[in-house]
Protein backbone atom coordinates (compact mmCIF):
# COMPACT_ATOMS: atom_id res chain seq x y z
CA MET A 1 -9.21 -2.92 -23.89
CA GLY A 2 -13.14 -2.28 -23.13
CA ASN A 3 -14.44 -2.24 -19.80
CA ALA A 4 -15.61 -5.85 -20.07
CA HIS A 5 -16.52 -6.32 -16.28
CA ALA A 6 -19.17 -3.38 -16.45
CA ARG A 7 -21.43 -5.08 -18.94
CA SER A 8 -22.87 -7.65 -16.91
CA GLN A 9 -22.81 -6.37 -13.21
CA ARG A 10 -24.15 -3.24 -11.35
CA PRO A 11 -21.38 -0.59 -10.38
CA ALA A 12 -19.67 -0.55 -7.25
CA ARG A 13 -20.45 2.63 -5.31
CA PRO A 14 -17.31 4.84 -4.31
CA LEU A 15 -16.85 4.98 -0.80
CA THR A 16 -18.67 7.59 1.21
CA LEU A 17 -16.24 8.23 4.10
CA TRP A 18 -13.12 8.93 1.79
CA THR A 19 -11.88 12.50 2.13
CA PRO A 20 -10.32 13.89 -0.98
CA PRO A 21 -7.72 16.58 -0.81
CA GLY A 22 -8.59 20.27 0.02
CA PRO A 23 -8.35 22.89 -2.70
CA ASP A 24 -4.90 24.09 -2.14
CA ARG A 25 -3.61 20.44 -2.17
CA ARG A 26 -5.80 19.37 -4.99
CA ARG A 27 -4.28 22.35 -6.98
CA LEU A 28 -0.82 21.09 -6.26
CA ILE A 29 -1.47 17.54 -6.92
CA SER A 30 -3.45 18.36 -10.40
CA GLU A 31 -0.47 20.53 -11.38
CA LEU A 32 2.00 17.65 -10.45
CA VAL A 33 0.04 15.38 -12.22
CA ARG A 34 0.04 17.38 -15.35
CA GLY A 35 3.78 18.13 -15.29
CA SER A 36 3.41 21.83 -15.05
CA VAL A 37 3.71 23.57 -11.68
CA THR A 38 3.16 27.18 -11.55
CA GLY A 39 5.30 29.77 -9.73
CA ASP A 40 2.44 30.69 -7.56
CA THR A 41 2.03 26.96 -6.51
CA LEU A 42 5.63 26.72 -5.84
CA THR A 43 5.89 30.07 -3.75
CA TRP A 44 2.81 28.69 -1.74
CA ALA A 45 4.64 25.50 -0.88
CA ALA A 46 8.00 27.20 -0.06
CA ASP A 47 6.05 29.75 2.09
CA ARG A 48 4.65 26.64 4.00
CA VAL A 49 8.08 25.16 4.41
CA GLU A 50 9.69 28.64 5.60
CA ALA A 51 6.86 28.96 8.22
CA ASP A 52 7.31 25.35 9.53
CA ASP A 53 3.48 24.75 8.39
CA LEU A 54 4.27 21.38 7.00
CA ASP A 55 2.24 18.12 7.29
CA GLU A 56 3.62 14.83 6.35
CA PRO A 57 1.62 14.57 3.17
CA LEU A 58 3.04 17.93 1.86
CA LEU A 59 6.73 16.97 2.94
CA GLN A 60 6.18 13.80 0.87
CA MET A 61 5.28 15.87 -2.26
CA LEU A 62 8.16 18.07 -1.73
CA PRO A 63 10.87 16.16 -3.50
CA SER A 64 8.58 16.02 -6.53
CA LEU A 65 8.54 19.74 -6.41
CA TYR A 66 12.30 20.31 -6.33
CA PRO A 67 13.18 20.13 -10.04
CA TYR A 68 10.44 22.73 -10.67
CA TYR A 69 12.34 25.17 -8.65
CA VAL A 70 15.46 24.50 -10.60
CA SER A 71 13.98 24.57 -13.73
CA GLN A 72 12.06 27.91 -13.21
CA GLY A 73 15.02 29.38 -11.15
CA LEU A 74 12.60 30.42 -8.40
CA ARG A 75 14.65 32.18 -5.66
CA HIS A 76 13.04 31.73 -2.16
CA GLN A 77 14.70 31.23 1.21
CA ALA A 78 13.08 27.66 1.62
CA VAL A 79 14.51 26.31 -1.52
CA PRO A 80 17.58 24.94 0.07
CA ARG A 81 15.61 23.35 2.63
CA ILE A 82 13.51 21.70 -0.08
CA ARG A 83 16.70 20.63 -1.89
CA GLY A 84 17.83 18.87 1.26
CA VAL A 85 14.57 16.98 1.49
CA TYR A 86 14.98 15.60 -2.20
CA LEU A 87 18.60 14.84 -1.26
CA ARG A 88 17.55 12.88 1.66
CA ALA A 89 14.72 11.11 -0.27
CA ARG A 90 17.44 9.92 -2.83
CA MET A 91 19.82 8.69 -0.10
CA GLN A 92 16.99 6.84 1.61
CA GLY A 93 16.00 5.43 -1.84
CA LEU A 94 19.39 4.16 -2.68
CA MET A 95 19.92 2.45 0.73
CA ALA A 96 16.26 0.73 0.46
CA CYS A 97 17.37 -0.53 -3.04
CA ASP A 98 20.42 -2.03 -1.42
CA VAL A 99 18.45 -3.63 1.44
CA ALA A 100 16.06 -4.93 -1.06
CA LEU A 101 18.88 -6.65 -2.97
CA SER A 102 20.28 -8.02 0.20
CA VAL A 103 16.95 -9.71 1.01
CA ALA A 104 16.83 -11.08 -2.44
CA ASP A 105 20.13 -12.51 -2.22
CA ILE A 106 19.41 -14.00 1.11
CA LEU A 107 16.13 -15.67 -0.05
CA ARG A 108 17.76 -16.99 -3.08
CA ARG A 109 20.72 -18.60 -0.98
CA GLN A 110 18.72 -20.02 1.67
CA PHE A 111 15.48 -21.11 0.20
CA GLY A 112 16.10 -20.71 -3.75
CA ALA A 113 13.22 -18.38 -4.04
CA GLU A 114 12.66 -15.25 -5.71
CA VAL A 115 11.01 -11.78 -3.98
CA ILE A 116 8.70 -9.37 -5.58
CA VAL A 117 10.00 -5.80 -4.77
CA LEU A 118 6.81 -3.45 -3.85
CA LYS A 119 5.90 0.14 -3.66
CA GLY A 120 8.32 2.86 -3.30
CA VAL A 121 11.84 1.09 -4.35
CA ALA A 122 10.23 -0.30 -7.44
CA LEU A 123 8.20 2.73 -8.63
CA GLY A 124 11.10 5.05 -7.85
CA VAL A 125 13.62 3.00 -10.10
CA GLU A 126 11.04 2.08 -12.80
CA TYR A 127 8.48 4.98 -13.11
CA TYR A 128 10.03 7.94 -11.73
CA GLY A 129 13.64 7.40 -12.86
CA ASP A 130 14.77 9.22 -9.95
CA LEU A 131 14.88 7.88 -6.26
CA GLY A 132 14.72 11.31 -4.84
CA LEU A 133 11.37 12.18 -6.55
CA ARG A 134 9.83 9.28 -4.75
CA PRO A 135 10.49 9.39 -0.94
CA LEU A 136 9.99 6.28 1.06
CA GLY A 137 10.66 5.23 4.68
CA ASP A 138 11.54 1.34 4.23
CA ALA A 139 11.77 -1.42 1.63
CA ASP A 140 8.90 -3.58 1.03
CA VAL A 141 9.34 -7.15 -0.60
CA LEU A 142 6.81 -9.88 -1.11
CA VAL A 143 8.15 -13.24 -0.31
CA PRO A 144 6.79 -16.63 -1.44
CA ASP A 145 3.71 -17.44 0.95
CA HIS A 146 5.01 -21.23 1.23
CA ILE A 147 7.85 -19.97 3.30
CA SER A 148 6.48 -19.45 6.93
CA ILE A 149 7.15 -16.36 9.44
CA ALA A 150 9.03 -18.85 11.60
CA GLU A 151 11.21 -19.77 8.74
CA LEU A 152 11.97 -16.33 7.69
CA ARG A 153 12.76 -15.33 11.35
CA GLU A 154 15.12 -18.35 11.71
CA CYS A 155 16.85 -17.36 8.40
CA PHE A 156 17.42 -13.55 9.29
CA ASP A 157 18.29 -14.25 12.78
CA ARG A 158 21.30 -16.12 11.51
CA GLU A 159 22.28 -13.28 9.29
CA GLU A 160 24.93 -10.96 10.93
CA GLY A 161 23.64 -7.41 11.75
CA TRP A 162 20.04 -8.09 10.91
CA VAL A 163 17.90 -7.25 13.97
CA LEU A 164 13.92 -7.93 14.20
CA ALA A 165 12.22 -4.49 14.30
CA ALA A 166 8.60 -5.40 15.45
CA ASP A 167 6.48 -8.45 16.43
CA PRO A 168 5.87 -10.49 13.53
CA SER A 169 2.39 -11.54 12.47
CA ASP A 170 1.26 -14.59 10.11
CA ARG A 171 1.47 -12.06 7.16
CA ALA A 172 4.57 -10.05 7.56
CA ILE A 173 7.93 -9.54 9.71
CA THR A 174 10.08 -6.63 9.84
CA TYR A 175 13.88 -6.33 10.13
CA LEU A 176 16.54 -3.63 10.38
CA SER A 177 19.33 -4.07 8.22
CA PRO A 178 23.03 -3.97 9.23
CA TYR A 179 22.94 -0.42 8.19
CA GLY A 180 19.69 0.47 9.84
CA THR A 181 17.45 0.55 6.76
CA GLN A 182 13.93 -0.98 7.43
CA VAL A 183 12.50 -3.86 5.48
CA ASP A 184 9.08 -5.41 5.73
CA LEU A 185 8.89 -8.71 4.29
CA HIS A 186 5.22 -9.65 3.40
CA ARG A 187 3.82 -13.15 2.72
CA PHE A 188 0.54 -11.54 1.43
CA LEU A 189 -0.46 -8.05 0.37
CA PHE A 190 -3.29 -7.66 2.42
CA THR A 191 -3.99 -8.71 6.22
CA ASP A 192 -7.75 -9.81 5.41
CA ALA A 193 -6.55 -11.94 2.00
CA GLN A 194 -4.24 -14.75 3.42
CA PHE A 195 -5.85 -17.49 1.32
CA PRO A 196 -4.40 -20.07 -0.84
CA GLY A 197 -3.54 -18.75 -4.54
CA ALA A 198 -3.96 -15.12 -3.20
CA ASN A 199 -0.82 -14.09 -4.75
CA ASP A 200 -0.78 -16.59 -7.85
CA ALA A 201 -1.53 -13.94 -10.37
CA LEU A 202 0.77 -11.45 -8.84
CA TRP A 203 3.57 -14.07 -9.19
CA ALA A 204 2.66 -15.29 -12.69
CA GLN A 205 2.48 -11.95 -14.10
CA SER A 206 5.34 -10.30 -12.13
CA GLN A 207 8.13 -8.76 -14.23
CA THR A 208 12.14 -8.41 -13.95
CA LEU A 209 13.67 -4.96 -12.73
CA GLN A 210 17.13 -4.04 -12.16
CA LEU A 211 17.39 -2.00 -9.14
CA ARG A 212 21.26 -0.90 -9.58
CA GLU A 213 23.67 -1.23 -12.44
CA ASN A 214 25.71 -4.53 -12.38
CA THR A 215 23.33 -6.18 -9.88
CA ARG A 216 21.21 -9.36 -10.47
CA PRO A 217 17.74 -8.42 -11.54
CA VAL A 218 14.73 -9.16 -9.03
CA ARG A 219 11.14 -9.18 -9.64
CA THR A 220 8.52 -6.70 -9.24
CA LEU A 221 4.61 -6.31 -9.81
CA ARG A 222 3.22 -5.94 -13.56
CA ARG A 223 2.39 -2.17 -13.77
CA GLU A 224 -1.40 -2.81 -13.48
CA HIS A 225 -1.03 -4.49 -10.31
CA HIS A 226 1.18 -1.66 -9.05
CA VAL A 227 -1.84 0.79 -9.77
CA PHE A 228 -4.14 -1.43 -7.69
CA HIS A 229 -1.62 -1.80 -4.91
CA ALA A 230 -1.01 2.06 -4.95
CA ILE A 231 -4.92 2.89 -4.88
CA THR A 232 -5.79 0.23 -2.24
CA HIS A 233 -3.08 1.54 0.18
CA GLY A 234 -3.65 5.17 -0.63
CA ILE A 235 -7.47 5.29 -0.11
CA PRO A 236 -7.19 4.03 3.64
CA TRP A 237 -6.61 6.58 5.93
CA SER A 238 -2.84 7.51 6.63
CA ARG A 239 -1.39 10.62 8.37
CA ALA A 240 1.87 10.15 6.38
CA THR A 241 1.04 9.18 2.83
CA ALA A 242 -2.55 10.46 2.30
CA HIS A 243 -1.96 11.92 -1.46
CA ARG A 244 1.23 10.11 -2.42
CA TRP A 245 -0.58 7.46 -4.42
CA ILE A 246 -1.89 9.80 -6.50
CA LEU A 247 1.26 10.91 -8.01
CA ASP A 248 2.42 7.20 -7.92
CA VAL A 249 -0.48 6.28 -10.37
CA ALA A 250 0.00 9.32 -12.58
CA ALA A 251 3.70 8.40 -12.76
CA MET A 252 2.82 4.91 -14.03
CA ALA A 253 -0.01 6.35 -16.25
CA ARG A 254 2.60 8.33 -18.24
CA THR A 255 4.73 5.27 -19.14
CA ALA A 256 3.79 3.84 -22.47
CA PRO A 257 1.80 1.80 -23.44
CA ALA A 258 -1.25 2.69 -21.78
CA VAL A 259 -2.60 1.44 -18.51
CA ASP A 260 -4.78 -1.62 -18.87
CA TRP A 261 -7.39 -0.56 -16.36
CA ASP A 262 -9.47 -3.57 -17.15
CA ALA A 263 -6.61 -5.67 -15.49
CA VAL A 264 -6.66 -3.21 -12.50
CA ILE A 265 -10.28 -3.75 -12.19
CA GLU A 266 -9.86 -7.53 -12.54
CA ILE A 267 -7.58 -7.83 -9.38
CA ALA A 268 -9.72 -5.54 -7.52
CA VAL A 269 -12.65 -7.91 -7.93
CA ARG A 270 -10.53 -10.99 -7.01
CA TYR A 271 -9.41 -9.08 -3.51
CA ARG A 272 -13.08 -7.77 -3.20
CA LEU A 273 -11.98 -4.24 -2.97
CA THR A 274 -13.95 -2.77 -5.88
CA SER A 275 -15.56 0.07 -3.73
CA THR A 276 -11.89 1.25 -3.05
CA VAL A 277 -10.57 1.15 -6.73
CA ALA A 278 -13.92 2.88 -7.81
CA THR A 279 -13.14 5.61 -5.41
CA GLY A 280 -9.57 5.95 -6.61
CA MET A 281 -10.54 5.78 -9.97
CA ASP A 282 -13.22 8.30 -9.94
CA TYR A 283 -10.74 10.96 -8.20
CA LEU A 284 -7.98 9.89 -10.91
CA SER A 285 -10.42 10.42 -13.99
CA SER A 286 -11.28 14.10 -12.48
CA LEU A 287 -7.38 14.80 -12.68
CA GLY A 288 -7.28 13.41 -16.37
CA VAL A 289 -5.16 10.44 -15.28
CA CYS A 290 -7.57 7.87 -16.62
CA ASP A 291 -11.00 7.79 -18.35
CA ARG A 292 -14.09 7.36 -16.10
CA MET A 293 -14.94 3.87 -16.16
CA VAL A 294 -17.42 1.42 -14.35
CA VAL A 295 -15.96 -0.74 -11.77
CA PRO A 296 -18.42 -3.57 -11.13
CA ASP A 297 -19.78 -4.41 -7.38
CA ALA A 298 -18.15 -7.46 -6.48
CA GLU A 299 -18.68 -7.31 -2.55
CA SER A 300 -20.86 -7.96 0.12
CA ARG A 301 -22.28 -5.22 2.49
CA ALA A 302 -19.59 -6.36 5.20
CA ASP A 303 -16.70 -5.97 2.61
CA ARG A 304 -18.05 -2.32 1.58
CA LEU A 305 -18.41 -1.50 5.40
CA TYR A 306 -14.85 -2.61 6.01
CA GLN A 307 -13.50 -0.55 3.47
CA ASN A 308 -15.39 2.44 4.65
CA HIS A 309 -13.85 1.91 7.84
CA LEU A 310 -10.52 1.80 6.60
CA ALA A 311 -11.07 5.01 4.69
CA HIS A 312 -12.41 6.57 7.80
CA PRO A 313 -11.31 4.74 10.65
CA PRO A 314 -14.16 4.45 13.36
CA VAL A 315 -13.77 5.60 17.00
CA GLY A 316 -15.20 4.36 20.41
CA TRP A 317 -17.21 1.32 20.53
CA ARG A 318 -17.36 1.43 16.68
CA SER A 319 -13.51 0.73 16.61
CA ALA A 320 -13.84 -2.30 18.88
CA MET A 321 -16.39 -3.82 16.78
CA PHE A 322 -14.42 -3.13 13.77
CA ALA A 323 -11.35 -4.62 15.08
CA PHE A 324 -12.73 -7.68 17.10
CA VAL A 325 -15.85 -8.53 14.85
CA GLU A 326 -15.97 -6.90 11.20
CA ARG A 327 -12.31 -7.31 10.25
CA PRO A 328 -11.94 -10.97 11.67
CA ILE A 329 -14.83 -11.96 9.98
CA ARG A 330 -13.67 -10.50 6.59
CA CYS A 331 -10.57 -12.18 7.06
CA VAL A 332 -12.27 -15.56 7.69
CA LYS A 333 -14.41 -15.09 4.57
CA MET A 334 -11.65 -14.20 2.40
CA ARG A 335 -9.44 -17.19 3.58
CA ASP A 336 -12.15 -19.93 4.11
CA GLY A 337 -15.01 -18.70 1.67
CA ARG A 338 -17.41 -19.01 4.72
CA LEU A 339 -17.72 -18.07 8.23
CA THR A 340 -17.22 -20.39 11.27
CA TYR A 341 -16.89 -19.97 14.87
CA ARG A 342 -13.45 -21.92 14.78
CA GLY A 343 -12.10 -19.78 11.96
CA TYR A 344 -13.34 -16.71 13.71
CA LEU A 345 -11.48 -17.51 17.09
CA ALA A 346 -8.35 -18.56 15.26
CA GLU A 347 -8.37 -15.14 13.46
CA LEU A 348 -8.79 -13.23 16.71
CA ARG A 349 -5.76 -15.32 18.25
CA ASN A 350 -3.71 -14.47 15.39
CA SER A 351 -4.73 -10.68 15.11
CA LEU A 352 -4.31 -10.33 19.05
CA ALA A 353 -1.14 -12.21 19.18
CA VAL A 354 -2.82 -14.63 21.93
CA GLU A 355 -2.52 -18.49 22.14
CA ASP A 356 -5.60 -19.69 23.82
CA ASP A 357 -9.57 -18.98 24.43
CA GLU A 358 -8.77 -17.82 28.16
CA ASN A 359 -6.77 -14.96 26.85
CA LEU A 360 -9.55 -14.09 24.35
CA ALA A 361 -11.86 -13.78 27.54
CA TRP A 362 -9.69 -11.17 29.12
CA TYR A 363 -10.71 -9.04 26.08
CA GLY A 364 -14.39 -9.62 26.67
CA LEU A 365 -14.59 -11.65 23.38
CA ARG A 366 -16.19 -14.73 24.52
CA LYS A 367 -19.55 -13.05 24.29
CA SER A 368 -18.95 -11.81 20.93
CA ALA A 369 -17.75 -15.19 19.80
CA ALA A 370 -20.96 -16.75 21.09
CA ARG A 371 -23.03 -14.39 19.20
CA ILE A 372 -21.03 -15.26 15.99
CA LYS A 373 -21.49 -19.04 16.69
CA THR A 374 -25.32 -18.69 16.95
CA GLY A 375 -25.65 -16.47 13.73
CA HIS A 376 -26.19 -12.95 15.59
CA GLY A 377 -24.28 -9.80 15.48
CA ALA A 378 -22.23 -10.86 12.16
CA PRO A 379 -22.46 -8.17 9.56
């Protein structure tokens, strides 16, 4: 398909605050994307492992490197440790598949509802073909948004062995399964996009996926929505998964037929995340994963500011402004279509888990709320 969105709108500008991988990491990623890793790169990575000079992003990529050590027969003292990382990732992936299947069974039984399996579990099964190649920390599932967090909590609290693992929000709730595997149950993909119909296209175009043999199929996102999800969760700053998203998109792009990048752009426009997607697609095109395409600018100044701050979180007073002004304002606008004083206060109460305006005053937010009410201070 052609890039239909670009013909009638100006292009989105890639984010200025996103930091791409450095030279050594780019070389490693580029070779993994091409499916051809050199001996020099394998030795470099193994030396880092042997010296305990590992950061979390490199640790996340080691399982994808392991098959190359095997195929090339590279002898290095660190190879057994790398094999251990791969085997651990495989075990955790199998356990995450099981907990996702358990959640799907519980939701069918209690609500007659399906779930959409997200992120690593679905990608490992469908696009990597080996759960050991795609490390993950937990299982993520999208549940129908008409099921409230209170209903989910009541449901899982009745299930033997399931333990609430974190304070819930309106968007998501986290449990530990009886075997200790964590699962995040999401009602929406993004905190700032909890509006009626936000998930409609995701559900309407979702596909079936069999996670394990002889089990009932579950639902998962269509590939283009997985691509969008990977980019929009990869560009925002993360100490743990800074580069994993690139390999995820490359794995999906290798699967025939070709990715419909117009569909990726269409969902980015809907969520007003075109600057983030433009940033990701620009970098992916430099690696040969996709052609260079124009992503339309479908955002306000506040949307772009919000995305830049996700890519490079602010500190000091800017951090407070982001948490208490910019982010709540975007959430209200995405949900309600316009900014109101009442909507702003409701969003603050939700994000801060407080129940009344007196508690908001403790955070010093009454003054900020008053500025929003009078039209001052809103981005």
